[in-house]
Amino acid sequence: MSNVATTFSADDIYIALCDVNDPEVPLNIVELGLVYRVEVALDTEAPGAGIPGVPPRYRAEVDVTMTSTGCPAHEMILEKVRNRLAGMPQLSDIRVTLVWEPAWTPQRIIEAGRQKLGI
């Protein structure tokens, strides 16, 4: 089996998640700092893995949080995350986990997002 260079990375996931907006704030979940962890690994068990000419497939694990434990939109946001990642043909396995630690704070918002929100 030949060595396959990883051409898909966590950066690709972050870019894709910029399409997922918070319905209550005019920023996406990456700008808001709601994405806590993204890990991507080659899926050696995906159908066709190791067969010449078959593109590699990857597994992704994503931890996201919400701005508060009472966020009424949390299920909708998680579903948008799953749907956005499911649309990526490079991914064979996707795990999205809602986490609460560490607690989200407004300091996690990127600088451009803070300026957009006027904070």
PDB file of N, CA and C in Angstrom:
ATOM      1  N   MET A   1       0.847  -1.170   0.000  1.00  0.00           N
ATOM      2  CA  MET A   1       0.000   0.000   0.000  1.00  0.00           C
ATOM      3  C   MET A   1       0.896   1.237   0.000  1.00  0.00           C
ATOM      4  N   SER A   2       0.585   2.179  -0.842  1.00  0.00           N
ATOM      5  CA  SER A   2       1.408   3.386  -0.948  1.00  0.00           C
ATOM      6  C   SER A   2       1.051   4.376   0.151  1.00  0.00           C
ATOM      7  N   ASN A   3       1.994   5.233   0.458  1.00  0.00           N
ATOM      8  CA  ASN A   3       1.769   6.305   1.418  1.00  0.00           C
ATOM      9  C   ASN A   3       0.922   7.381   0.748  1.00  0.00           C
ATOM     10  N   VAL A   4      -0.169   7.749   1.359  1.00  0.00           N
ATOM     11  CA  VAL A   4      -1.054   8.773   0.809  1.00  0.00           C
ATOM     12  C   VAL A   4      -0.842  10.061   1.591  1.00  0.00           C
ATOM     13  N   ALA A   5      -0.505  11.117   0.901  1.00  0.00           N
ATOM     14  CA  ALA A   5      -0.325  12.405   1.570  1.00  0.00           C
ATOM     15  C   ALA A   5      -1.699  12.953   1.950  1.00  0.00           C
ATOM     16  N   THR A   6      -1.783  13.489   3.152  1.00  0.00           N
ATOM     17  CA  THR A   6      -3.039  14.069   3.597  1.00  0.00           C
ATOM     18  C   THR A   6      -3.270  15.372   2.844  1.00  0.00           C
ATOM     19  N   THR A   7      -4.376  15.409   2.117  1.00  0.00           N
ATOM     20  CA  THR A   7      -4.714  16.614   1.369  1.00  0.00           C
ATOM     21  C   THR A   7      -5.951  17.268   1.944  1.00  0.00           C
ATOM     22  N   PHE A   8      -6.430  16.716   3.029  1.00  0.00           N
ATOM     23  CA  PHE A   8      -7.619  17.229   3.690  1.00  0.00           C
ATOM     24  C   PHE A   8      -7.238  17.459   5.142  1.00  0.00           C
ATOM     25  N   SER A   9      -7.648  18.580   5.714  1.00  0.00           N
ATOM     26  CA  SER A   9      -7.184  18.898   7.065  1.00  0.00           C
ATOM     27  C   SER A   9      -8.279  19.569   7.893  1.00  0.00           C
ATOM     28  N   ALA A  10      -7.955  19.830   9.134  1.00  0.00           N
ATOM     29  CA  ALA A  10      -8.869  20.538  10.032  1.00  0.00           C
ATOM     30  C   ALA A  10      -9.221  21.910   9.460  1.00  0.00           C
ATOM     31  N   ASP A  11      -8.280  22.526   8.756  1.00  0.00           N
ATOM     32  CA  ASP A  11      -8.564  23.833   8.147  1.00  0.00           C
ATOM     33  C   ASP A  11      -9.740  23.748   7.178  1.00  0.00           C
ATOM     34  N   ASP A  12      -9.844  22.637   6.444  1.00  0.00           N
ATOM     35  CA  ASP A  12     -10.963  22.452   5.519  1.00  0.00           C
ATOM     36  C   ASP A  12     -12.294  22.397   6.279  1.00  0.00           C
ATOM     37  N   ILE A  13     -12.269  21.793   7.455  1.00  0.00           N
ATOM     38  CA  ILE A  13     -13.478  21.726   8.285  1.00  0.00           C
ATOM     39  C   ILE A  13     -13.842  23.122   8.778  1.00  0.00           C
ATOM     40  N   TYR A  14     -12.852  23.858   9.284  1.00  0.00           N
ATOM     41  CA  TYR A  14     -13.123  25.217   9.759  1.00  0.00           C
ATOM     42  C   TYR A  14     -13.704  26.082   8.645  1.00  0.00           C
ATOM     43  N   ILE A  15     -13.153  25.974   7.460  1.00  0.00           N
ATOM     44  CA  ILE A  15     -13.665  26.757   6.321  1.00  0.00           C
ATOM     45  C   ILE A  15     -15.117  26.389   6.043  1.00  0.00           C
ATOM     46  N   ALA A  16     -15.418  25.094   6.040  1.00  0.00           N
ATOM     47  CA  ALA A  16     -16.792  24.650   5.794  1.00  0.00           C
ATOM     48  C   ALA A  16     -17.741  25.157   6.885  1.00  0.00           C
ATOM     49  N   LEU A  17     -17.284  25.152   8.127  1.00  0.00           N
ATOM     50  CA  LEU A  17     -18.148  25.573   9.233  1.00  0.00           C
ATOM     51  C   LEU A  17     -18.401  27.080   9.249  1.00  0.00           C
ATOM     52  N   CYS A  18     -17.653  27.820   8.463  1.00  0.00           N
ATOM     53  CA  CYS A  18     -17.945  29.254   8.319  1.00  0.00           C
ATOM     54  C   CYS A  18     -19.282  29.478   7.615  1.00  0.00           C
ATOM     55  N   ASP A  19     -19.838  28.417   7.017  1.00  0.00           N
ATOM     56  CA  ASP A  19     -21.159  28.494   6.389  1.00  0.00           C
ATOM     57  C   ASP A  19     -22.289  28.321   7.396  1.00  0.00           C
ATOM     58  N   VAL A  20     -21.960  27.968   8.639  1.00  0.00           N
ATOM     59  CA  VAL A  20     -22.977  27.720   9.660  1.00  0.00           C
ATOM     60  C   VAL A  20     -23.115  28.973  10.524  1.00  0.00           C
ATOM     61  N   ASN A  21     -24.231  29.640  10.379  1.00  0.00           N
ATOM     62  CA  ASN A  21     -24.461  30.882  11.108  1.00  0.00           C
ATOM     63  C   ASN A  21     -25.273  30.647  12.371  1.00  0.00           C
ATOM     64  N   ASP A  22     -25.005  31.463  13.368  1.00  0.00           N
ATOM     65  CA  ASP A  22     -25.835  31.479  14.553  1.00  0.00           C
ATOM     66  C   ASP A  22     -27.083  32.272  14.180  1.00  0.00           C
ATOM     67  N   PRO A  23     -28.277  31.736  14.419  1.00  0.00           N
ATOM     68  CA  PRO A  23     -29.493  32.442  13.998  1.00  0.00           C
ATOM     69  C   PRO A  23     -29.791  33.711  14.798  1.00  0.00           C
ATOM     70  N   GLU A  24     -29.147  33.865  15.953  1.00  0.00           N
ATOM     71  CA  GLU A  24     -29.429  35.018  16.795  1.00  0.00           C
ATOM     72  C   GLU A  24     -28.376  36.114  16.712  1.00  0.00           C
ATOM     73  N   VAL A  25     -27.233  35.802  16.109  1.00  0.00           N
ATOM     74  CA  VAL A  25     -26.121  36.749  16.028  1.00  0.00           C
ATOM     75  C   VAL A  25     -25.635  36.753  14.576  1.00  0.00           C
ATOM     76  N   PRO A  26     -25.307  37.911  14.019  1.00  0.00           N
ATOM     77  CA  PRO A  26     -24.894  37.947  12.606  1.00  0.00           C
ATOM     78  C   PRO A  26     -23.445  37.497  12.382  1.00  0.00           C
ATOM     79  N   LEU A  27     -23.073  36.374  12.989  1.00  0.00           N
ATOM     80  CA  LEU A  27     -21.741  35.809  12.817  1.00  0.00           C
ATOM     81  C   LEU A  27     -21.881  34.299  12.643  1.00  0.00           C
ATOM     82  N   ASN A  28     -20.856  33.687  12.031  1.00  0.00           N
ATOM     83  CA  ASN A  28     -20.874  32.232  11.933  1.00  0.00           C
ATOM     84  C   ASN A  28     -20.263  31.628  13.198  1.00  0.00           C
ATOM     85  N   ILE A  29     -20.394  30.309  13.338  1.00  0.00           N
ATOM     86  CA  ILE A  29     -19.956  29.669  14.582  1.00  0.00           C
ATOM     87  C   ILE A  29     -18.444  29.685  14.766  1.00  0.00           C
ATOM     88  N   VAL A  30     -17.694  29.803  13.679  1.00  0.00           N
ATOM     89  CA  VAL A  30     -16.235  29.906  13.797  1.00  0.00           C
ATOM     90  C   VAL A  30     -15.876  31.295  14.317  1.00  0.00           C
ATOM     91  N   GLU A  31     -16.485  32.322  13.753  1.00  0.00           N
ATOM     92  CA  GLU A  31     -16.230  33.689  14.213  1.00  0.00           C
ATOM     93  C   GLU A  31     -16.623  33.873  15.679  1.00  0.00           C
ATOM     94  N   LEU A  32     -17.694  33.200  16.086  1.00  0.00           N
ATOM     95  CA  LEU A  32     -18.153  33.301  17.473  1.00  0.00           C
ATOM     96  C   LEU A  32     -17.280  32.522  18.450  1.00  0.00           C
ATOM     97  N   GLY A  33     -16.419  31.677  17.929  1.00  0.00           N
ATOM     98  CA  GLY A  33     -15.575  30.867  18.797  1.00  0.00           C
ATOM     99  C   GLY A  33     -16.306  29.683  19.393  1.00  0.00           C
ATOM    100  N   LEU A  34     -17.346  29.207  18.706  1.00  0.00           N
ATOM    101  CA  LEU A  34     -18.123  28.072  19.205  1.00  0.00           C
ATOM    102  C   LEU A  34     -17.505  26.730  18.838  1.00  0.00           C
ATOM    103  N   VAL A  35     -16.549  26.721  17.913  1.00  0.00           N
ATOM    104  CA  VAL A  35     -15.886  25.477  17.529  1.00  0.00           C
ATOM    105  C   VAL A  35     -14.653  25.331  18.409  1.00  0.00           C
ATOM    106  N   TYR A  36     -14.666  24.337  19.290  1.00  0.00           N
ATOM    107  CA  TYR A  36     -13.584  24.161  20.250  1.00  0.00           C
ATOM    108  C   TYR A  36     -12.492  23.223  19.758  1.00  0.00           C
ATOM    109  N   ARG A  37     -12.862  22.218  18.996  1.00  0.00           N
ATOM    110  CA  ARG A  37     -11.855  21.233  18.565  1.00  0.00           C
ATOM    111  C   ARG A  37     -12.279  20.628  17.248  1.00  0.00           C
ATOM    112  N   VAL A  38     -11.300  20.457  16.355  1.00  0.00           N
ATOM    113  CA  VAL A  38     -11.503  19.733  15.100  1.00  0.00           C
ATOM    114  C   VAL A  38     -10.314  18.805  14.913  1.00  0.00           C
ATOM    115  N   GLU A  39     -10.609  17.536  14.721  1.00  0.00           N
ATOM    116  CA  GLU A  39      -9.560  16.564  14.416  1.00  0.00           C
ATOM    117  C   GLU A  39      -9.959  15.799  13.174  1.00  0.00           C
ATOM    118  N   VAL A  40      -8.987  15.597  12.307  1.00  0.00           N
ATOM    119  CA  VAL A  40      -9.202  14.879  11.056  1.00  0.00           C
ATOM    120  C   VAL A  40      -8.152  13.786  10.957  1.00  0.00           C
ATOM    121  N   ALA A  41      -8.596  12.596  10.575  1.00  0.00           N
ATOM    122  CA  ALA A  41      -7.673  11.476  10.410  1.00  0.00           C
ATOM    123  C   ALA A  41      -8.079  10.673   9.181  1.00  0.00           C
ATOM    124  N   LEU A  42      -7.104  10.110   8.527  1.00  0.00           N
ATOM    125  CA  LEU A  42      -7.351   9.242   7.385  1.00  0.00           C
ATOM    126  C   LEU A  42      -8.177   8.049   7.843  1.00  0.00           C
ATOM    127  N   ASP A  43      -9.223   7.712   7.090  1.00  0.00           N
ATOM    128  CA  ASP A  43     -10.075   6.569   7.423  1.00  0.00           C
ATOM    129  C   ASP A  43      -9.612   5.367   6.610  1.00  0.00           C
ATOM    130  N   THR A  44      -8.813   4.535   7.238  1.00  0.00           N
ATOM    131  CA  THR A  44      -8.265   3.360   6.542  1.00  0.00           C
ATOM    132  C   THR A  44      -9.293   2.253   6.399  1.00  0.00           C
ATOM    133  N   GLU A  45     -10.471   2.417   7.009  1.00  0.00           N
ATOM    134  CA  GLU A  45     -11.530   1.415   6.911  1.00  0.00           C
ATOM    135  C   GLU A  45     -12.667   1.845   6.004  1.00  0.00           C
ATOM    136  N   ALA A  46     -12.547   3.015   5.376  1.00  0.00           N
ATOM    137  CA  ALA A  46     -13.593   3.493   4.465  1.00  0.00           C
ATOM    138  C   ALA A  46     -13.662   2.583   3.245  1.00  0.00           C
ATOM    139  N   PRO A  47     -14.842   2.431   2.657  1.00  0.00           N
ATOM    140  CA  PRO A  47     -14.939   1.628   1.432  1.00  0.00           C
ATOM    141  C   PRO A  47     -13.946   2.122   0.379  1.00  0.00           C
ATOM    142  N   GLY A  48     -13.188   1.205  -0.176  1.00  0.00           N
ATOM    143  CA  GLY A  48     -12.211   1.544  -1.214  1.00  0.00           C
ATOM    144  C   GLY A  48     -10.869   1.991  -0.687  1.00  0.00           C
ATOM    145  N   ALA A  49     -10.720   2.065   0.626  1.00  0.00           N
ATOM    146  CA  ALA A  49      -9.453   2.528   1.203  1.00  0.00           C
ATOM    147  C   ALA A  49      -8.305   1.650   0.733  1.00  0.00           C
ATOM    148  N   GLY A  50      -7.246   2.277   0.286  1.00  0.00           N
ATOM    149  CA  GLY A  50      -6.047   1.565  -0.145  1.00  0.00           C
ATOM    150  C   GLY A  50      -6.094   1.064  -1.578  1.00  0.00           C
ATOM    151  N   ILE A  51      -7.212   1.235  -2.241  1.00  0.00           N
ATOM    152  CA  ILE A  51      -7.321   0.806  -3.637  1.00  0.00           C
ATOM    153  C   ILE A  51      -6.804   1.936  -4.526  1.00  0.00           C
ATOM    154  N   PRO A  52      -5.842   1.623  -5.399  1.00  0.00           N
ATOM    155  CA  PRO A  52      -5.308   2.668  -6.284  1.00  0.00           C
ATOM    156  C   PRO A  52      -6.425   3.351  -7.079  1.00  0.00           C
ATOM    157  N   GLY A  53      -6.344   4.654  -7.146  1.00  0.00           N
ATOM    158  CA  GLY A  53      -7.317   5.435  -7.895  1.00  0.00           C
ATOM    159  C   GLY A  53      -8.536   5.860  -7.086  1.00  0.00           C
ATOM    160  N   VAL A  54      -8.725   5.281  -5.903  1.00  0.00           N
ATOM    161  CA  VAL A  54      -9.848   5.669  -5.046  1.00  0.00           C
ATOM    162  C   VAL A  54      -9.351   6.765  -4.106  1.00  0.00           C
ATOM    163  N   PRO A  55      -9.990   7.935  -4.153  1.00  0.00           N
ATOM    164  CA  PRO A  55      -9.534   9.034  -3.288  1.00  0.00           C
ATOM    165  C   PRO A  55      -9.642   8.653  -1.819  1.00  0.00           C
ATOM    166  N   PRO A  56      -8.731   9.122  -1.007  1.00  0.00           N
ATOM    167  CA  PRO A  56      -8.800   8.824   0.427  1.00  0.00           C
ATOM    168  C   PRO A  56     -10.017   9.483   1.059  1.00  0.00           C
ATOM    169  N   ARG A  57     -10.514   8.861   2.105  1.00  0.00           N
ATOM    170  CA  ARG A  57     -11.622   9.416   2.868  1.00  0.00           C
ATOM    171  C   ARG A  57     -11.125   9.636   4.290  1.00  0.00           C
ATOM    172  N   TYR A  58     -11.782  10.529   5.004  1.00  0.00           N
ATOM    173  CA  TYR A  58     -11.318  10.952   6.315  1.00  0.00           C
ATOM    174  C   TYR A  58     -12.432  10.875   7.354  1.00  0.00           C
ATOM    175  N   ARG A  59     -12.013  10.760   8.607  1.00  0.00           N
ATOM    176  CA  ARG A  59     -12.904  10.835   9.755  1.00  0.00           C
ATOM    177  C   ARG A  59     -12.718  12.198  10.387  1.00  0.00           C
ATOM    178  N   ALA A  60     -13.797  12.786  10.845  1.00  0.00           N
ATOM    179  CA  ALA A  60     -13.701  14.091  11.504  1.00  0.00           C
ATOM    180  C   ALA A  60     -14.425  14.042  12.838  1.00  0.00           C
ATOM    181  N   GLU A  61     -13.781  14.626  13.837  1.00  0.00           N
ATOM    182  CA  GLU A  61     -14.391  14.820  15.147  1.00  0.00           C
ATOM    183  C   GLU A  61     -14.403  16.313  15.415  1.00  0.00           C
ATOM    184  N   VAL A  62     -15.577  16.828  15.762  1.00  0.00           N
ATOM    185  CA  VAL A  62     -15.732  18.260  15.979  1.00  0.00           C
ATOM    186  C   VAL A  62     -16.448  18.474  17.311  1.00  0.00           C
ATOM    187  N   ASP A  63     -15.846  19.285  18.168  1.00  0.00           N
ATOM    188  CA  ASP A  63     -16.485  19.690  19.421  1.00  0.00           C
ATOM    189  C   ASP A  63     -16.944  21.129  19.269  1.00  0.00           C
ATOM    190  N   VAL A  64     -18.209  21.354  19.563  1.00  0.00           N
ATOM    191  CA  VAL A  64     -18.755  22.711  19.517  1.00  0.00           C
ATOM    192  C   VAL A  64     -19.446  23.000  20.845  1.00  0.00           C
ATOM    193  N   THR A  65     -19.591  24.264  21.138  1.00  0.00           N
ATOM    194  CA  THR A  65     -20.310  24.693  22.326  1.00  0.00           C
ATOM    195  C   THR A  65     -21.348  25.711  21.900  1.00  0.00           C
ATOM    196  N   MET A  66     -22.082  26.202  22.849  1.00  0.00           N
ATOM    197  CA  MET A  66     -23.070  27.244  22.610  1.00  0.00           C
ATOM    198  C   MET A  66     -22.737  28.413  23.526  1.00  0.00           C
ATOM    199  N   THR A  67     -23.331  29.544  23.241  1.00  0.00           N
ATOM    200  CA  THR A  67     -23.047  30.723  24.050  1.00  0.00           C
ATOM    201  C   THR A  67     -23.605  30.587  25.458  1.00  0.00           C
ATOM    202  N   SER A  68     -24.634  29.749  25.633  1.00  0.00           N
ATOM    203  CA  SER A  68     -25.180  29.486  26.972  1.00  0.00           C
ATOM    204  C   SER A  68     -25.832  28.115  26.984  1.00  0.00           C
ATOM    205  N   THR A  69     -25.937  27.541  28.168  1.00  0.00           N
ATOM    206  CA  THR A  69     -26.554  26.208  28.278  1.00  0.00           C
ATOM    207  C   THR A  69     -28.036  26.250  27.919  1.00  0.00           C
ATOM    208  N   GLY A  70     -28.640  27.408  27.991  1.00  0.00           N
ATOM    209  CA  GLY A  70     -30.055  27.538  27.641  1.00  0.00           C
ATOM    210  C   GLY A  70     -30.295  27.993  26.218  1.00  0.00           C
ATOM    211  N   CYS A  71     -29.294  27.906  25.368  1.00  0.00           N
ATOM    212  CA  CYS A  71     -29.417  28.376  23.984  1.00  0.00           C
ATOM    213  C   CYS A  71     -30.565  27.647  23.281  1.00  0.00           C
ATOM    214  N   PRO A  72     -31.598  28.380  22.881  1.00  0.00           N
ATOM    215  CA  PRO A  72     -32.745  27.728  22.257  1.00  0.00           C
ATOM    216  C   PRO A  72     -32.453  27.174  20.859  1.00  0.00           C
ATOM    217  N   ALA A  73     -31.377  27.620  20.242  1.00  0.00           N
ATOM    218  CA  ALA A  73     -31.060  27.202  18.873  1.00  0.00           C
ATOM    219  C   ALA A  73     -30.018  26.093  18.818  1.00  0.00           C
ATOM    220  N   HIS A  74     -29.657  25.501  19.956  1.00  0.00           N
ATOM    221  CA  HIS A  74     -28.538  24.558  19.940  1.00  0.00           C
ATOM    222  C   HIS A  74     -28.795  23.350  19.050  1.00  0.00           C
ATOM    223  N   GLU A  75     -29.985  22.785  19.052  1.00  0.00           N
ATOM    224  CA  GLU A  75     -30.250  21.624  18.180  1.00  0.00           C
ATOM    225  C   GLU A  75     -30.164  22.011  16.707  1.00  0.00           C
ATOM    226  N   MET A  76     -30.682  23.176  16.364  1.00  0.00           N
ATOM    227  CA  MET A  76     -30.639  23.636  14.982  1.00  0.00           C
ATOM    228  C   MET A  76     -29.190  23.866  14.539  1.00  0.00           C
ATOM    229  N   ILE A  77     -28.382  24.464  15.387  1.00  0.00           N
ATOM    230  CA  ILE A  77     -26.984  24.715  15.039  1.00  0.00           C
ATOM    231  C   ILE A  77     -26.236  23.395  14.863  1.00  0.00           C
ATOM    232  N   LEU A  78     -26.434  22.454  15.788  1.00  0.00           N
ATOM    233  CA  LEU A  78     -25.769  21.152  15.664  1.00  0.00           C
ATOM    234  C   LEU A  78     -26.190  20.433  14.388  1.00  0.00           C
ATOM    235  N   GLU A  79     -27.457  20.521  14.045  1.00  0.00           N
ATOM    236  CA  GLU A  79     -27.932  19.885  12.810  1.00  0.00           C
ATOM    237  C   GLU A  79     -27.306  20.544  11.583  1.00  0.00           C
ATOM    238  N   LYS A  80     -27.165  21.862  11.608  1.00  0.00           N
ATOM    239  CA  LYS A  80     -26.511  22.563  10.496  1.00  0.00           C
ATOM    240  C   LYS A  80     -25.052  22.133  10.364  1.00  0.00           C
ATOM    241  N   VAL A  81     -24.375  21.954  11.488  1.00  0.00           N
ATOM    242  CA  VAL A  81     -22.982  21.489  11.471  1.00  0.00           C
ATOM    243  C   VAL A  81     -22.923  20.109  10.822  1.00  0.00           C
ATOM    244  N   ARG A  82     -23.765  19.201  11.298  1.00  0.00           N
ATOM    245  CA  ARG A  82     -23.768  17.834  10.742  1.00  0.00           C
ATOM    246  C   ARG A  82     -24.081  17.840   9.251  1.00  0.00           C
ATOM    247  N   ASN A  83     -25.072  18.614   8.849  1.00  0.00           N
ATOM    248  CA  ASN A  83     -25.452  18.671   7.433  1.00  0.00           C
ATOM    249  C   ASN A  83     -24.346  19.251   6.573  1.00  0.00           C
ATOM    250  N   ARG A  84     -23.692  20.292   7.068  1.00  0.00           N
ATOM    251  CA  ARG A  84     -22.611  20.911   6.282  1.00  0.00           C
ATOM    252  C   ARG A  84     -21.475  19.926   6.084  1.00  0.00           C
ATOM    253  N   LEU A  85     -21.103  19.199   7.137  1.00  0.00           N
ATOM    254  CA  LEU A  85     -20.011  18.242   7.029  1.00  0.00           C
ATOM    255  C   LEU A  85     -20.416  17.016   6.213  1.00  0.00           C
ATOM    256  N   ALA A  86     -21.671  16.612   6.303  1.00  0.00           N
ATOM    257  CA  ALA A  86     -22.153  15.468   5.524  1.00  0.00           C
ATOM    258  C   ALA A  86     -22.067  15.748   4.025  1.00  0.00           C
ATOM    259  N   GLY A  87     -22.079  17.018   3.656  1.00  0.00           N
ATOM    260  CA  GLY A  87     -21.971  17.393   2.250  1.00  0.00           C
ATOM    261  C   GLY A  87     -20.551  17.383   1.717  1.00  0.00           C
ATOM    262  N   MET A  88     -19.595  17.019   2.534  1.00  0.00           N
ATOM    263  CA  MET A  88     -18.196  16.999   2.106  1.00  0.00           C
ATOM    264  C   MET A  88     -17.823  15.572   1.694  1.00  0.00           C
ATOM    265  N   PRO A  89     -17.591  15.328   0.411  1.00  0.00           N
ATOM    266  CA  PRO A  89     -17.336  13.960  -0.057  1.00  0.00           C
ATOM    267  C   PRO A  89     -16.060  13.338   0.497  1.00  0.00           C
ATOM    268  N   GLN A  90     -15.156  14.135   1.021  1.00  0.00           N
ATOM    269  CA  GLN A  90     -13.909  13.608   1.591  1.00  0.00           C
ATOM    270  C   GLN A  90     -14.142  12.892   2.922  1.00  0.00           C
ATOM    271  N   LEU A  91     -15.275  13.183   3.560  1.00  0.00           N
ATOM    272  CA  LEU A  91     -15.530  12.633   4.893  1.00  0.00           C
ATOM    273  C   LEU A  91     -16.369  11.364   4.826  1.00  0.00           C
ATOM    274  N   SER A  92     -15.897  10.340   5.520  1.00  0.00           N
ATOM    275  CA  SER A  92     -16.627   9.085   5.590  1.00  0.00           C
ATOM    276  C   SER A  92     -17.291   8.892   6.948  1.00  0.00           C
ATOM    277  N   ASP A  93     -16.796   9.589   7.964  1.00  0.00           N
ATOM    278  CA  ASP A  93     -17.315   9.450   9.311  1.00  0.00           C
ATOM    279  C   ASP A  93     -17.225  10.805   9.990  1.00  0.00           C
ATOM    280  N   ILE A  94     -18.328  11.240  10.588  1.00  0.00           N
ATOM    281  CA  ILE A  94     -18.390  12.561  11.210  1.00  0.00           C
ATOM    282  C   ILE A  94     -18.958  12.404  12.618  1.00  0.00           C
ATOM    283  N   ARG A  95     -18.253  12.964  13.582  1.00  0.00           N
ATOM    284  CA  ARG A  95     -18.741  12.958  14.960  1.00  0.00           C
ATOM    285  C   ARG A  95     -18.754  14.392  15.467  1.00  0.00           C
ATOM    286  N   VAL A  96     -19.935  14.854  15.808  1.00  0.00           N
ATOM    287  CA  VAL A  96     -20.107  16.211  16.328  1.00  0.00           C
ATOM    288  C   VAL A  96     -20.567  16.080  17.772  1.00  0.00           C
ATOM    289  N   THR A  97     -19.815  16.706  18.673  1.00  0.00           N
ATOM    290  CA  THR A  97     -20.118  16.616  20.098  1.00  0.00           C
ATOM    291  C   THR A  97     -20.353  18.011  20.670  1.00  0.00           C
ATOM    292  N   LEU A  98     -21.427  18.145  21.419  1.00  0.00           N
ATOM    293  CA  LEU A  98     -21.705  19.387  22.130  1.00  0.00           C
ATOM    294  C   LEU A  98     -20.979  19.329  23.468  1.00  0.00           C
ATOM    295  N   VAL A  99     -20.139  20.328  23.731  1.00  0.00           N
ATOM    296  CA  VAL A  99     -19.373  20.381  24.976  1.00  0.00           C
ATOM    297  C   VAL A  99     -19.675  21.688  25.701  1.00  0.00           C
ATOM    298  N   TRP A 100     -19.495  21.659  27.007  1.00  0.00           N
ATOM    299  CA  TRP A 100     -19.757  22.850  27.825  1.00  0.00           C
ATOM    300  C   TRP A 100     -18.522  23.328  28.566  1.00  0.00           C
ATOM    301  N   GLU A 101     -17.439  22.587  28.498  1.00  0.00           N
ATOM    302  CA  GLU A 101     -16.209  22.960  29.185  1.00  0.00           C
ATOM    303  C   GLU A 101     -15.100  23.171  28.167  1.00  0.00           C
ATOM    304  N   PRO A 102     -14.377  24.250  28.233  1.00  0.00           N
ATOM    305  CA  PRO A 102     -14.598  25.375  29.128  1.00  0.00           C
ATOM    306  C   PRO A 102     -15.821  26.177  28.681  1.00  0.00           C
ATOM    307  N   ALA A 103     -16.402  26.885  29.604  1.00  0.00           N
ATOM    308  CA  ALA A 103     -17.574  27.698  29.285  1.00  0.00           C
ATOM    309  C   ALA A 103     -17.198  28.762  28.248  1.00  0.00           C
ATOM    310  N   TRP A 104     -18.106  29.001  27.315  1.00  0.00           N
ATOM    311  CA  TRP A 104     -17.882  30.021  26.285  1.00  0.00           C
ATOM    312  C   TRP A 104     -17.951  31.405  26.933  1.00  0.00           C
ATOM    313  N   THR A 105     -17.098  32.316  26.446  1.00  0.00           N
ATOM    314  CA  THR A 105     -17.148  33.712  26.857  1.00  0.00           C
ATOM    315  C   THR A 105     -17.032  34.574  25.603  1.00  0.00           C
ATOM    316  N   PRO A 106     -17.479  35.815  25.655  1.00  0.00           N
ATOM    317  CA  PRO A 106     -17.380  36.691  24.487  1.00  0.00           C
ATOM    318  C   PRO A 106     -15.939  36.922  24.009  1.00  0.00           C
ATOM    319  N   GLN A 107     -14.960  36.649  24.859  1.00  0.00           N
ATOM    320  CA  GLN A 107     -13.567  36.810  24.449  1.00  0.00           C
ATOM    321  C   GLN A 107     -13.180  35.811  23.357  1.00  0.00           C
ATOM    322  N   ARG A 108     -13.976  34.772  23.163  1.00  0.00           N
ATOM    323  CA  ARG A 108     -13.699  33.788  22.111  1.00  0.00           C
ATOM    324  C   ARG A 108     -14.069  34.309  20.721  1.00  0.00           C
ATOM    325  N   ILE A 109     -14.853  35.368  20.652  1.00  0.00           N
ATOM    326  CA  ILE A 109     -15.235  35.948  19.362  1.00  0.00           C
ATOM    327  C   ILE A 109     -13.991  36.550  18.716  1.00  0.00           C
ATOM    328  N   ILE A 110     -13.794  36.278  17.429  1.00  0.00           N
ATOM    329  CA  ILE A 110     -12.637  36.844  16.743  1.00  0.00           C
ATOM    330  C   ILE A 110     -12.742  38.356  16.701  1.00  0.00           C
ATOM    331  N   GLU A 111     -11.610  39.024  16.552  1.00  0.00           N
ATOM    332  CA  GLU A 111     -11.582  40.492  16.581  1.00  0.00           C
ATOM    333  C   GLU A 111     -12.530  41.112  15.554  1.00  0.00           C
ATOM    334  N   ALA A 112     -12.514  40.618  14.338  1.00  0.00           N
ATOM    335  CA  ALA A 112     -13.398  41.170  13.302  1.00  0.00           C
ATOM    336  C   ALA A 112     -14.859  40.995  13.695  1.00  0.00           C
ATOM    337  N   GLY A 113     -15.168  39.905  14.356  1.00  0.00           N
ATOM    338  CA  GLY A 113     -16.539  39.676  14.825  1.00  0.00           C
ATOM    339  C   GLY A 113     -16.937  40.638  15.914  1.00  0.00           C
ATOM    340  N   ARG A 114     -16.010  40.914  16.813  1.00  0.00           N
ATOM    341  CA  ARG A 114     -16.292  41.894  17.876  1.00  0.00           C
ATOM    342  C   ARG A 114     -16.569  43.262  17.284  1.00  0.00           C
ATOM    343  N   GLN A 115     -15.783  43.630  16.284  1.00  0.00           N
ATOM    344  CA  GLN A 115     -15.988  44.922  15.639  1.00  0.00           C
ATOM    345  C   GLN A 115     -17.358  44.950  14.955  1.00  0.00           C
ATOM    346  N   LYS A 116     -17.719  43.858  14.300  1.00  0.00           N
ATOM    347  CA  LYS A 116     -19.015  43.773  13.614  1.00  0.00           C
ATOM    348  C   LYS A 116     -20.164  43.920  14.611  1.00  0.00           C
ATOM    349  N   LEU A 117     -19.976  43.361  15.815  1.00  0.00           N
ATOM    350  CA  LEU A 117     -21.012  43.443  16.847  1.00  0.00           C
ATOM    351  C   LEU A 117     -20.925  44.702  17.681  1.00  0.00           C
ATOM    352  N   GLY A 118     -19.853  45.486  17.482  1.00  0.00           N
ATOM    353  CA  GLY A 118     -19.691  46.725  18.220  1.00  0.00           C
ATOM    354  C   GLY A 118     -19.256  46.500  19.672  1.00  0.00           C
ATOM    355  N   ILE A 119     -18.516  45.421  19.916  1.00  0.00           N
ATOM    356  CA  ILE A 119     -18.023  45.184  21.285  1.00  0.00           C
ATOM    357  C   ILE A 119     -16.510  45.130  21.317  1.00  0.00           C
TER     358      ILE A 119
END
